[in-house]
C-alpha atoms as a PDB file:
ATOM      1  CA  MET A   1     -32.575   9.652  30.029  1.00  0.00           C
ATOM      2  CA  VAL A   2     -33.713   9.036  26.475  1.00  0.00           C
ATOM      3  CA  LEU A   3     -35.727   5.852  25.950  1.00  0.00           C
ATOM      4  CA  VAL A   4     -35.667   4.262  22.500  1.00  0.00           C
ATOM      5  CA  GLN A   5     -38.269   1.627  21.628  1.00  0.00           C
ATOM      6  CA  ILE A   6     -37.230  -0.773  18.885  1.00  0.00           C
ATOM      7  CA  ILE A   7     -40.079  -2.559  17.105  1.00  0.00           C
ATOM      8  CA  ASP A   8     -38.887  -5.234  14.721  1.00  0.00           C
ATOM      9  CA  ASP A   9     -40.113  -8.753  14.104  1.00  0.00           C
ATOM     10  CA  ALA A  10     -36.683  -9.912  12.917  1.00  0.00           C
ATOM     11  CA  GLN A  11     -34.732 -11.061  15.965  1.00  0.00           C
ATOM     12  CA  PHE A  12     -31.289 -10.439  14.434  1.00  0.00           C
ATOM     13  CA  MET A  13     -32.101  -6.910  13.246  1.00  0.00           C
ATOM     14  CA  LYS A  14     -33.591  -6.017  16.594  1.00  0.00           C
ATOM     15  CA  PHE A  15     -30.484  -7.365  18.351  1.00  0.00           C
ATOM     16  CA  MET A  16     -28.195  -5.322  16.086  1.00  0.00           C
ATOM     17  CA  LEU A  17     -30.205  -2.124  16.596  1.00  0.00           C
ATOM     18  CA  LYS A  18     -30.298  -2.676  20.369  1.00  0.00           C
ATOM     19  CA  LYS A  19     -26.534  -3.235  20.452  1.00  0.00           C
ATOM     20  CA  LEU A  20     -26.031  -0.056  18.442  1.00  0.00           C
ATOM     21  CA  VAL A  21     -28.328   2.065  20.622  1.00  0.00           C
ATOM     22  CA  ASP A  22     -26.794   0.598  23.810  1.00  0.00           C
ATOM     23  CA  LYS A  23     -23.437   2.095  22.771  1.00  0.00           C
ATOM     24  CA  THR A  24     -24.918   5.578  23.001  1.00  0.00           C
ATOM     25  CA  GLY A  25     -26.077   5.220  26.585  1.00  0.00           C
ATOM     26  CA  TYR A  26     -29.737   5.456  25.653  1.00  0.00           C
ATOM     27  CA  GLU A  27     -32.125   3.135  27.432  1.00  0.00           C
ATOM     28  CA  VAL A  28     -33.653   0.531  25.096  1.00  0.00           C
ATOM     29  CA  LEU A  29     -37.052  -1.154  25.084  1.00  0.00           C
ATOM     30  CA  THR A  30     -37.422  -3.917  22.505  1.00  0.00           C
ATOM     31  CA  THR A  31     -40.681  -5.221  21.114  1.00  0.00           C
ATOM     32  CA  ARG A  32     -40.870  -8.281  18.907  1.00  0.00           C
ATOM     33  CA  GLU A  33     -44.553  -8.773  18.272  1.00  0.00           C
ATOM     34  CA  LEU A  34     -46.477  -6.032  16.530  1.00  0.00           C
ATOM     35  CA  ASP A  35     -49.458  -6.837  18.728  1.00  0.00           C
ATOM     36  CA  ASP A  36     -47.380  -5.819  21.764  1.00  0.00           C
ATOM     37  CA  ALA A  37     -46.023  -2.634  20.205  1.00  0.00           C
ATOM     38  CA  LEU A  38     -48.810  -0.305  21.349  1.00  0.00           C
ATOM     39  CA  ASN A  39     -48.900  -1.652  24.912  1.00  0.00           C
ATOM     40  CA  ASP A  40     -45.132  -1.344  25.222  1.00  0.00           C
ATOM     41  CA  PHE A  41     -45.336   2.165  23.758  1.00  0.00           C
ATOM     42  CA  LYS A  42     -47.980   3.201  26.290  1.00  0.00           C
ATOM     43  CA  GLU A  43     -46.086   1.686  29.224  1.00  0.00           C
ATOM     44  CA  GLY A  44     -42.620   2.860  28.223  1.00  0.00           C
ATOM     45  CA  ASN A  45     -43.476   6.314  26.871  1.00  0.00           C
ATOM     46  CA  PRO A  46     -40.329   6.337  24.700  1.00  0.00           C
ATOM     47  CA  ASN A  47     -38.721   9.485  23.335  1.00  0.00           C
ATOM     48  CA  VAL A  48     -37.859   7.741  20.077  1.00  0.00           C
ATOM     49  CA  VAL A  49     -39.436   4.761  18.317  1.00  0.00           C
ATOM     50  CA  ILE A  50     -37.522   2.806  15.676  1.00  0.00           C
ATOM     51  CA  TYR A  51     -40.142   0.907  13.713  1.00  0.00           C
ATOM     52  CA  ASP A  52     -39.400  -1.639  10.998  1.00  0.00           C
ATOM     53  CA  LEU A  53     -41.881  -0.729   8.318  1.00  0.00           C
ATOM     54  CA  VAL A  54     -41.205  -3.869   6.292  1.00  0.00           C
ATOM     55  CA  SER A  55     -42.425  -6.835   8.258  1.00  0.00           C
ATOM     56  CA  GLU A  56     -43.345 -10.445   7.671  1.00  0.00           C
ATOM     57  CA  GLU A  57     -46.718  -9.598   9.167  1.00  0.00           C
ATOM     58  CA  GLU A  58     -49.239  -7.718   7.066  1.00  0.00           C
ATOM     59  CA  SER A  59     -50.412  -5.616   9.998  1.00  0.00           C
ATOM     60  CA  ASN A  60     -47.250  -3.536  10.290  1.00  0.00           C
ATOM     61  CA  LEU A  61     -48.948  -0.334   9.076  1.00  0.00           C
ATOM     62  CA  SER A  62     -51.967  -0.885  11.301  1.00  0.00           C
ATOM     63  CA  ALA A  63     -49.711  -1.195  14.367  1.00  0.00           C
ATOM     64  CA  LEU A  64     -47.929   1.999  13.316  1.00  0.00           C
ATOM     65  CA  ARG A  65     -51.298   3.753  12.936  1.00  0.00           C
ATOM     66  CA  LYS A  66     -52.269   2.764  16.497  1.00  0.00           C
ATOM     67  CA  ILE A  67     -48.981   4.051  17.886  1.00  0.00           C
ATOM     68  CA  VAL A  68     -49.321   7.345  16.005  1.00  0.00           C
ATOM     69  CA  GLU A  69     -52.949   7.765  17.123  1.00  0.00           C
ATOM     70  CA  HIS A  70     -51.943   7.300  20.761  1.00  0.00           C
ATOM     71  CA  ASN A  71     -48.873   9.488  20.306  1.00  0.00           C
ATOM     72  CA  ASN A  72     -51.102  12.306  19.053  1.00  0.00           C
ATOM     73  CA  THR A  73     -52.947  12.318  22.399  1.00  0.00           C
ATOM     74  CA  LEU A  74     -49.761  12.930  24.414  1.00  0.00           C
ATOM     75  CA  ASP A  75     -48.387  16.272  25.549  1.00  0.00           C
ATOM     76  CA  THR A  76     -44.813  15.197  24.819  1.00  0.00           C
ATOM     77  CA  LYS A  77     -44.803  13.307  21.567  1.00  0.00           C
ATOM     78  CA  SER A  78     -42.398  10.531  20.635  1.00  0.00           C
ATOM     79  CA  LYS A  79     -40.403  10.853  17.442  1.00  0.00           C
ATOM     80  CA  ILE A  80     -40.904   7.901  15.120  1.00  0.00           C
ATOM     81  CA  ILE A  81     -38.200   6.621  12.787  1.00  0.00           C
ATOM     82  CA  CYS A  82     -39.164   3.985  10.229  1.00  0.00           C
ATOM     83  CA  ILE A  83     -36.718   1.534   8.733  1.00  0.00           C
ATOM     84  CA  THR A  84     -37.541   0.464   5.201  1.00  0.00           C
ATOM     85  CA  THR A  85     -36.079  -1.040   2.059  1.00  0.00           C
ATOM     86  CA  VAL A  86     -35.806   0.331  -1.455  1.00  0.00           C
ATOM     87  CA  GLY A  87     -38.978  -0.060  -3.489  1.00  0.00           C
ATOM     88  CA  LYS A  88     -41.432   0.404  -0.625  1.00  0.00           C
ATOM     89  CA  ASP A  89     -42.515   3.871  -1.728  1.00  0.00           C
ATOM     90  CA  ASN A  90     -46.205   3.214  -1.073  1.00  0.00           C
ATOM     91  CA  LEU A  91     -45.527   2.203   2.548  1.00  0.00           C
ATOM     92  CA  MET A  92     -43.212   5.170   3.017  1.00  0.00           C
ATOM     93  CA  GLU A  93     -45.817   7.554   1.670  1.00  0.00           C
ATOM     94  CA  GLU A  94     -48.481   6.195   4.016  1.00  0.00           C
ATOM     95  CA  ALA A  95     -46.093   6.341   6.982  1.00  0.00           C
ATOM     96  CA  LYS A  96     -45.094   9.896   6.059  1.00  0.00           C
ATOM     97  CA  ASN A  97     -48.771  10.878   5.979  1.00  0.00           C
ATOM     98  CA  LEU A  98     -49.155   9.418   9.470  1.00  0.00           C
ATOM     99  CA  GLY A  99     -46.412  11.728  10.725  1.00  0.00           C
ATOM    100  CA  VAL A 100     -43.259   9.616  10.813  1.00  0.00           C
ATOM    101  CA  SER A 101     -40.282  11.832  11.648  1.00  0.00           C
ATOM    102  CA  MET A 102     -37.614  10.119   9.537  1.00  0.00           C
ATOM    103  CA  PHE A 103     -36.843   7.110   7.398  1.00  0.00           C
ATOM    104  CA  ILE A 104     -33.732   4.955   7.451  1.00  0.00           C
ATOM    105  CA  GLY A 105     -33.043   2.859   4.381  1.00  0.00           C
ATOM    106  CA  LYS A 106     -31.733  -0.690   4.472  1.00  0.00           C
ATOM    107  CA  PRO A 107     -28.911  -1.364   4.425  1.00  0.00           C
ATOM    108  CA  TYR A 108     -27.939   1.375   6.841  1.00  0.00           C
ATOM    109  CA  ASP A 109     -24.672   2.391   8.429  1.00  0.00           C
ATOM    110  CA  ASP A 110     -24.356   2.556  12.205  1.00  0.00           C
ATOM    111  CA  THR A 111     -23.226   6.189  12.314  1.00  0.00           C
ATOM    112  CA  GLY A 112     -26.212   7.275  10.244  1.00  0.00           C
ATOM    113  CA  VAL A 113     -28.648   5.525  12.572  1.00  0.00           C
ATOM    114  CA  ILE A 114     -27.089   7.132  15.649  1.00  0.00           C
ATOM    115  CA  ASP A 115     -27.163  10.550  13.962  1.00  0.00           C
ATOM    116  CA  PHE A 116     -30.862  10.096  13.142  1.00  0.00           C
ATOM    117  CA  ILE A 117     -31.661   9.057  16.709  1.00  0.00           C
ATOM    118  CA  LYS A 118     -29.733  12.025  18.114  1.00  0.00           C
ATOM    119  CA  GLU A 119     -31.518  14.374  15.731  1.00  0.00           C
ATOM    120  CA  VAL A 120     -35.042  13.248  16.550  1.00  0.00           C
ATOM    121  CA  GLY A 121     -34.288  12.534  20.214  1.00  0.00           C
ATOM    122  CA  GLY A 122     -32.967  15.999  20.870  1.00  0.00           C
ATOM    123  CA  GLY A 123     -29.316  15.029  20.908  1.00  0.00           C
ATOM    124  CA  VAL A 124     -29.405  13.942  24.558  1.00  0.00           C
ATOM    125  CA  ILE A 125     -26.923  11.214  25.400  1.00  0.00           C
ATOM    126  CA  SER A 126     -26.357   9.942  28.904  1.00  0.00           C
ATOM    127  CA  SER A 127     -22.818   9.441  30.136  1.00  0.00           C
ATOM    128  CA  GLU A 128     -24.013   6.362  31.995  1.00  0.00           C
ATOM    129  CA  PRO A 129     -24.281   3.081  30.089  1.00  0.00           C
ATOM    130  CA  SER A 130     -27.802   1.780  29.815  1.00  0.00           C
ATOM    131  CA  PRO A 131     -28.764  -1.079  32.097  1.00  0.00           C
ATOM    132  CA  GLN A 132     -28.447  -4.436  30.408  1.00  0.00           C
ATOM    133  CA  LYS A 133     -31.998  -5.546  31.051  1.00  0.00           C
ATOM    134  CA  GLU A 134     -34.156  -7.196  28.445  1.00  0.00           C
ATOM    135  CA  THR A 135     -37.790  -6.174  28.457  1.00  0.00           C
ATOM    136  CA  GLU A 136     -38.909  -8.444  25.685  1.00  0.00           C
ATOM    137  CA  THR A 137     -40.932 -11.599  25.789  1.00  0.00           C
ATOM    138  CA  VAL A 138     -39.984 -13.986  23.022  1.00  0.00           C
ATOM    139  CA  VAL A 139     -42.592 -16.413  21.831  1.00  0.00           C
ATOM    140  CA  ASN A 140     -41.394 -19.235  19.641  1.00  0.00           C
ATOM    141  CA  ASN A 141     -43.875 -20.256  17.005  1.00  0.00           C
END
């Protein structure tokens, strides 16, 4: 089973990505807070990470760095896909230097996202629907 971790601080975007990935049969782990991203990554050991590079928090690149550093210590490495918007070339360049596998531009189309996930995840799709469990803790500020 392929596990996809979605890291996005925007609740709606995370919901839409989860709904999209659920349709493929992949298992989904969602992370809202960037501070939780590394712990969830370590515990879940996902095959694919979808990481929103453009965040309301300034620490989005530092969280990505921590995930990549840990990923580099693993025998089986996760593929990391970053979502970004037009005009964020400096962030994209830094993420590319860290070893991000692919970038998805906003706005994106659903088919393109699934194709990217299949490509970096090895094309494995389960015939069983993913369990409808939510692994996220939401903290209202």
